[in-house]
Amino acid sequence: MPVIKASEVKRAIKEGGKRCSKEFIAAFDHQVTIKLQQCIKEHAGGKKTLDAGVAILIFGGKRGI
């Protein structure tokens, strides 16, 4: 089952002046699925709710989204 909404990804790519293939969408969805599973598996202090801290930890980046 796809995790991403392909039409929204395609729209963003088009707005950026690019095009994408079906293979790109499939690979992108797969990578998002992997990251989502990493977020779900993260202990995060035993909390059940995934928050920005978990996303920052898994995806990398700075706090203060």
PDB file of N, CA and C in Angstrom:
ATOM      1  N   MET A   1       0.843  -1.173   0.000  1.00  0.00           N
ATOM      2  CA  MET A   1       0.000   0.000   0.000  1.00  0.00           C
ATOM      3  C   MET A   1       0.897   1.247   0.000  1.00  0.00           C
ATOM      4  N   PRO A   2       0.657   2.167  -0.934  1.00  0.00           N
ATOM      5  CA  PRO A   2       1.477   3.392  -0.982  1.00  0.00           C
ATOM      6  C   PRO A   2       1.296   4.247   0.270  1.00  0.00           C
ATOM      7  N   VAL A   3       2.384   4.850   0.704  1.00  0.00           N
ATOM      8  CA  VAL A   3       2.368   5.728   1.869  1.00  0.00           C
ATOM      9  C   VAL A   3       2.132   7.168   1.429  1.00  0.00           C
ATOM     10  N   ILE A   4       2.687   7.521   0.282  1.00  0.00           N
ATOM     11  CA  ILE A   4       2.593   8.895  -0.185  1.00  0.00           C
ATOM     12  C   ILE A   4       1.414   9.074  -1.127  1.00  0.00           C
ATOM     13  N   LYS A   5       1.011  10.309  -1.318  1.00  0.00           N
ATOM     14  CA  LYS A   5      -0.010  10.638  -2.294  1.00  0.00           C
ATOM     15  C   LYS A   5       0.737  11.094  -3.548  1.00  0.00           C
ATOM     16  N   ALA A   6       0.815  10.207  -4.534  1.00  0.00           N
ATOM     17  CA  ALA A   6       1.635  10.441  -5.719  1.00  0.00           C
ATOM     18  C   ALA A   6       1.285  11.747  -6.418  1.00  0.00           C
ATOM     19  N   SER A   7       0.010  12.092  -6.474  1.00  0.00           N
ATOM     20  CA  SER A   7      -0.386  13.323  -7.172  1.00  0.00           C
ATOM     21  C   SER A   7       0.206  14.561  -6.502  1.00  0.00           C
ATOM     22  N   GLU A   8       0.318  14.551  -5.174  1.00  0.00           N
ATOM     23  CA  GLU A   8       0.897  15.686  -4.461  1.00  0.00           C
ATOM     24  C   GLU A   8       2.406  15.780  -4.701  1.00  0.00           C
ATOM     25  N   VAL A   9       3.064  14.629  -4.743  1.00  0.00           N
ATOM     26  CA  VAL A   9       4.500  14.608  -5.019  1.00  0.00           C
ATOM     27  C   VAL A   9       4.745  15.109  -6.441  1.00  0.00           C
ATOM     28  N   LYS A  10       3.957  14.617  -7.395  1.00  0.00           N
ATOM     29  CA  LYS A  10       4.100  15.057  -8.788  1.00  0.00           C
ATOM     30  C   LYS A  10       3.847  16.558  -8.919  1.00  0.00           C
ATOM     31  N   ARG A  11       2.865  17.071  -8.198  1.00  0.00           N
ATOM     32  CA  ARG A  11       2.557  18.499  -8.248  1.00  0.00           C
ATOM     33  C   ARG A  11       3.744  19.320  -7.741  1.00  0.00           C
ATOM     34  N   ALA A  12       4.337  18.895  -6.629  1.00  0.00           N
ATOM     35  CA  ALA A  12       5.477  19.608  -6.066  1.00  0.00           C
ATOM     36  C   ALA A  12       6.667  19.577  -7.023  1.00  0.00           C
ATOM     37  N   ILE A  13       6.878  18.439  -7.654  1.00  0.00           N
ATOM     38  CA  ILE A  13       7.979  18.312  -8.608  1.00  0.00           C
ATOM     39  C   ILE A  13       7.739  19.218  -9.804  1.00  0.00           C
ATOM     40  N   LYS A  14       6.509  19.228 -10.302  1.00  0.00           N
ATOM     41  CA  LYS A  14       6.169  20.078 -11.444  1.00  0.00           C
ATOM     42  C   LYS A  14       6.350  21.555 -11.100  1.00  0.00           C
ATOM     43  N   GLU A  15       5.949  21.946  -9.892  1.00  0.00           N
ATOM     44  CA  GLU A  15       6.130  23.331  -9.451  1.00  0.00           C
ATOM     45  C   GLU A  15       7.612  23.699  -9.381  1.00  0.00           C
ATOM     46  N   GLY A  16       8.457  22.707  -9.163  1.00  0.00           N
ATOM     47  CA  GLY A  16       9.894  22.920  -9.131  1.00  0.00           C
ATOM     48  C   GLY A  16      10.539  22.885 -10.509  1.00  0.00           C
ATOM     49  N   GLY A  17       9.698  22.752 -11.532  1.00  0.00           N
ATOM     50  CA  GLY A  17      10.206  22.771 -12.898  1.00  0.00           C
ATOM     51  C   GLY A  17      10.802  21.465 -13.374  1.00  0.00           C
ATOM     52  N   LYS A  18      10.445  20.373 -12.709  1.00  0.00           N
ATOM     53  CA  LYS A  18      10.984  19.059 -13.071  1.00  0.00           C
ATOM     54  C   LYS A  18       9.846  18.108 -13.427  1.00  0.00           C
ATOM     55  N   ARG A  19      10.237  16.961 -13.943  1.00  0.00           N
ATOM     56  CA  ARG A  19       9.308  15.869 -14.203  1.00  0.00           C
ATOM     57  C   ARG A  19       9.817  14.650 -13.449  1.00  0.00           C
ATOM     58  N   CYS A  20       8.954  13.646 -13.284  1.00  0.00           N
ATOM     59  CA  CYS A  20       9.400  12.423 -12.613  1.00  0.00           C
ATOM     60  C   CYS A  20       8.785  11.208 -13.292  1.00  0.00           C
ATOM     61  N   SER A  21       9.475  10.111 -13.154  1.00  0.00           N
ATOM     62  CA  SER A  21       8.999   8.850 -13.730  1.00  0.00           C
ATOM     63  C   SER A  21       8.201   8.068 -12.694  1.00  0.00           C
ATOM     64  N   LYS A  22       7.521   7.042 -13.162  1.00  0.00           N
ATOM     65  CA  LYS A  22       6.809   6.141 -12.256  1.00  0.00           C
ATOM     66  C   LYS A  22       7.803   5.449 -11.324  1.00  0.00           C
ATOM     67  N   GLU A  23       8.986   5.161 -11.847  1.00  0.00           N
ATOM     68  CA  GLU A  23      10.017   4.515 -11.036  1.00  0.00           C
ATOM     69  C   GLU A  23      10.471   5.428  -9.904  1.00  0.00           C
ATOM     70  N   PHE A  24      10.565   6.738 -10.176  1.00  0.00           N
ATOM     71  CA  PHE A  24      10.925   7.684  -9.120  1.00  0.00           C
ATOM     72  C   PHE A  24       9.882   7.657  -8.013  1.00  0.00           C
ATOM     73  N   ILE A  25       8.608   7.721  -8.394  1.00  0.00           N
ATOM     74  CA  ILE A  25       7.526   7.728  -7.407  1.00  0.00           C
ATOM     75  C   ILE A  25       7.577   6.453  -6.572  1.00  0.00           C
ATOM     76  N   ALA A  26       7.784   5.309  -7.213  1.00  0.00           N
ATOM     77  CA  ALA A  26       7.850   4.034  -6.486  1.00  0.00           C
ATOM     78  C   ALA A  26       9.042   4.015  -5.520  1.00  0.00           C
ATOM     79  N   ALA A  27      10.208   4.479  -5.988  1.00  0.00           N
ATOM     80  CA  ALA A  27      11.398   4.490  -5.132  1.00  0.00           C
ATOM     81  C   ALA A  27      11.228   5.479  -3.984  1.00  0.00           C
ATOM     82  N   PHE A  28      10.648   6.637  -4.270  1.00  0.00           N
ATOM     83  CA  PHE A  28      10.409   7.645  -3.240  1.00  0.00           C
ATOM     84  C   PHE A  28       9.463   7.095  -2.175  1.00  0.00           C
ATOM     85  N   ASP A  29       8.391   6.454  -2.602  1.00  0.00           N
ATOM     86  CA  ASP A  29       7.437   5.857  -1.671  1.00  0.00           C
ATOM     87  C   ASP A  29       8.111   4.799  -0.807  1.00  0.00           C
ATOM     88  N   HIS A  30       8.972   4.008  -1.413  1.00  0.00           N
ATOM     89  CA  HIS A  30       9.682   2.964  -0.666  1.00  0.00           C
ATOM     90  C   HIS A  30      10.566   3.588   0.416  1.00  0.00           C
ATOM     91  N   GLN A  31      11.287   4.646   0.061  1.00  0.00           N
ATOM     92  CA  GLN A  31      12.161   5.299   1.032  1.00  0.00           C
ATOM     93  C   GLN A  31      11.368   5.947   2.158  1.00  0.00           C
ATOM     94  N   VAL A  32      10.221   6.528   1.835  1.00  0.00           N
ATOM     95  CA  VAL A  32       9.354   7.111   2.870  1.00  0.00           C
ATOM     96  C   VAL A  32       8.856   6.003   3.804  1.00  0.00           C
ATOM     97  N   THR A  33       8.497   4.866   3.236  1.00  0.00           N
ATOM     98  CA  THR A  33       8.041   3.732   4.040  1.00  0.00           C
ATOM     99  C   THR A  33       9.130   3.278   5.013  1.00  0.00           C
ATOM    100  N   ILE A  34      10.365   3.216   4.543  1.00  0.00           N
ATOM    101  CA  ILE A  34      11.482   2.822   5.407  1.00  0.00           C
ATOM    102  C   ILE A  34      11.633   3.813   6.561  1.00  0.00           C
ATOM    103  N   LYS A  35      11.620   5.110   6.252  1.00  0.00           N
ATOM    104  CA  LYS A  35      11.768   6.132   7.297  1.00  0.00           C
ATOM    105  C   LYS A  35      10.592   6.090   8.269  1.00  0.00           C
ATOM    106  N   LEU A  36       9.391   5.871   7.761  1.00  0.00           N
ATOM    107  CA  LEU A  36       8.220   5.780   8.630  1.00  0.00           C
ATOM    108  C   LEU A  36       8.361   4.606   9.595  1.00  0.00           C
ATOM    109  N   GLN A  37       8.826   3.474   9.100  1.00  0.00           N
ATOM    110  CA  GLN A  37       9.024   2.310   9.959  1.00  0.00           C
ATOM    111  C   GLN A  37      10.100   2.587  11.012  1.00  0.00           C
ATOM    112  N   GLN A  38      11.149   3.324  10.643  1.00  0.00           N
ATOM    113  CA  GLN A  38      12.174   3.685  11.620  1.00  0.00           C
ATOM    114  C   GLN A  38      11.580   4.573  12.711  1.00  0.00           C
ATOM    115  N   CYS A  39      10.710   5.499  12.325  1.00  0.00           N
ATOM    116  CA  CYS A  39      10.055   6.359  13.318  1.00  0.00           C
ATOM    117  C   CYS A  39       9.201   5.531  14.272  1.00  0.00           C
ATOM    118  N   ILE A  40       8.473   4.583  13.715  1.00  0.00           N
ATOM    119  CA  ILE A  40       7.591   3.740  14.527  1.00  0.00           C
ATOM    120  C   ILE A  40       8.399   2.886  15.504  1.00  0.00           C
ATOM    121  N   LYS A  41       9.545   2.388  15.063  1.00  0.00           N
ATOM    122  CA  LYS A  41      10.375   1.524  15.900  1.00  0.00           C
ATOM    123  C   LYS A  41      11.188   2.283  16.940  1.00  0.00           C
ATOM    124  N   GLU A  42      11.333   3.585  16.771  1.00  0.00           N
ATOM    125  CA  GLU A  42      12.121   4.395  17.700  1.00  0.00           C
ATOM    126  C   GLU A  42      11.480   4.354  19.089  1.00  0.00           C
ATOM    127  N   HIS A  43      12.273   4.132  20.106  1.00  0.00           N
ATOM    128  CA  HIS A  43      11.768   4.008  21.476  1.00  0.00           C
ATOM    129  C   HIS A  43      11.168   5.321  21.978  1.00  0.00           C
ATOM    130  N   ALA A  44      11.836   6.432  21.745  1.00  0.00           N
ATOM    131  CA  ALA A  44      11.355   7.776  22.111  1.00  0.00           C
ATOM    132  C   ALA A  44      10.893   7.875  23.560  1.00  0.00           C
ATOM    133  N   GLY A  45      11.635   7.284  24.440  1.00  0.00           N
ATOM    134  CA  GLY A  45      11.300   7.382  25.855  1.00  0.00           C
ATOM    135  C   GLY A  45      10.050   6.617  26.236  1.00  0.00           C
ATOM    136  N   GLY A  46       9.644   5.680  25.408  1.00  0.00           N
ATOM    137  CA  GLY A  46       8.462   4.873  25.702  1.00  0.00           C
ATOM    138  C   GLY A  46       7.151   5.542  25.334  1.00  0.00           C
ATOM    139  N   LYS A  47       7.208   6.745  24.740  1.00  0.00           N
ATOM    140  CA  LYS A  47       5.980   7.440  24.360  1.00  0.00           C
ATOM    141  C   LYS A  47       5.312   6.739  23.182  1.00  0.00           C
ATOM    142  N   LYS A  48       4.001   6.784  23.131  1.00  0.00           N
ATOM    143  CA  LYS A  48       3.241   6.204  22.027  1.00  0.00           C
ATOM    144  C   LYS A  48       3.063   7.194  20.878  1.00  0.00           C
ATOM    145  N   THR A  49       3.144   8.482  21.182  1.00  0.00           N
ATOM    146  CA  THR A  49       2.892   9.507  20.184  1.00  0.00           C
ATOM    147  C   THR A  49       4.193   9.889  19.478  1.00  0.00           C
ATOM    148  N   LEU A  50       4.180   9.795  18.149  1.00  0.00           N
ATOM    149  CA  LEU A  50       5.314  10.267  17.374  1.00  0.00           C
ATOM    150  C   LEU A  50       5.202  11.779  17.282  1.00  0.00           C
ATOM    151  N   ASP A  51       6.307  12.472  17.583  1.00  0.00           N
ATOM    152  CA  ASP A  51       6.293  13.927  17.536  1.00  0.00           C
ATOM    153  C   ASP A  51       7.438  14.430  16.669  1.00  0.00           C
ATOM    154  N   ALA A  52       7.604  15.741  16.625  1.00  0.00           N
ATOM    155  CA  ALA A  52       8.640  16.344  15.799  1.00  0.00           C
ATOM    156  C   ALA A  52      10.024  15.853  16.201  1.00  0.00           C
ATOM    157  N   GLY A  53      10.234  15.589  17.477  1.00  0.00           N
ATOM    158  CA  GLY A  53      11.530  15.106  17.942  1.00  0.00           C
ATOM    159  C   GLY A  53      11.926  13.794  17.297  1.00  0.00           C
ATOM    160  N   VAL A  54      10.969  12.899  17.132  1.00  0.00           N
ATOM    161  CA  VAL A  54      11.237  11.617  16.483  1.00  0.00           C
ATOM    162  C   VAL A  54      11.578  11.850  15.014  1.00  0.00           C
ATOM    163  N   ALA A  55      10.817  12.703  14.348  1.00  0.00           N
ATOM    164  CA  ALA A  55      11.087  12.993  12.938  1.00  0.00           C
ATOM    165  C   ALA A  55      12.477  13.594  12.763  1.00  0.00           C
ATOM    166  N   ILE A  56      12.831  14.523  13.634  1.00  0.00           N
ATOM    167  CA  ILE A  56      14.148  15.163  13.558  1.00  0.00           C
ATOM    168  C   ILE A  56      15.248  14.135  13.794  1.00  0.00           C
ATOM    169  N   LEU A  57      15.047  13.252  14.752  1.00  0.00           N
ATOM    170  CA  LEU A  57      16.024  12.215  15.054  1.00  0.00           C
ATOM    171  C   LEU A  57      16.229  11.284  13.847  1.00  0.00           C
ATOM    172  N   ILE A  58      15.163  10.841  13.230  1.00  0.00           N
ATOM    173  CA  ILE A  58      15.230   9.881  12.143  1.00  0.00           C
ATOM    174  C   ILE A  58      15.664  10.543  10.834  1.00  0.00           C
ATOM    175  N   PHE A  59      15.094  11.700  10.531  1.00  0.00           N
ATOM    176  CA  PHE A  59      15.389  12.363   9.266  1.00  0.00           C
ATOM    177  C   PHE A  59      16.603  13.275   9.342  1.00  0.00           C
ATOM    178  N   GLY A  60      17.012  13.610  10.556  1.00  0.00           N
ATOM    179  CA  GLY A  60      18.112  14.543  10.710  1.00  0.00           C
ATOM    180  C   GLY A  60      17.595  15.966  10.553  1.00  0.00           C
ATOM    181  N   GLY A  61      18.331  16.900  11.017  1.00  0.00           N
ATOM    182  CA  GLY A  61      17.892  18.279  10.886  1.00  0.00           C
ATOM    183  C   GLY A  61      17.963  18.995  12.207  1.00  0.00           C
ATOM    184  N   LYS A  62      17.447  20.195  12.199  1.00  0.00           N
ATOM    185  CA  LYS A  62      17.493  21.044  13.382  1.00  0.00           C
ATOM    186  C   LYS A  62      16.134  21.116  14.044  1.00  0.00           C
ATOM    187  N   ARG A  63      16.146  21.326  15.327  1.00  0.00           N
ATOM    188  CA  ARG A  63      14.890  21.530  16.057  1.00  0.00           C
ATOM    189  C   ARG A  63      14.328  22.882  15.690  1.00  0.00           C
ATOM    190  N   GLY A  64      13.069  23.084  15.974  1.00  0.00           N
ATOM    191  CA  GLY A  64      12.429  24.367  15.678  1.00  0.00           C
ATOM    192  C   GLY A  64      11.832  24.386  14.290  1.00  0.00           C
ATOM    193  N   ILE A  65      11.140  23.299  13.978  1.00  0.00           N
ATOM    194  CA  ILE A  65      10.536  23.146  12.644  1.00  0.00           C
ATOM    195  C   ILE A  65       9.580  24.272  12.370  1.00  0.00           C
TER     196      ILE A  65
END
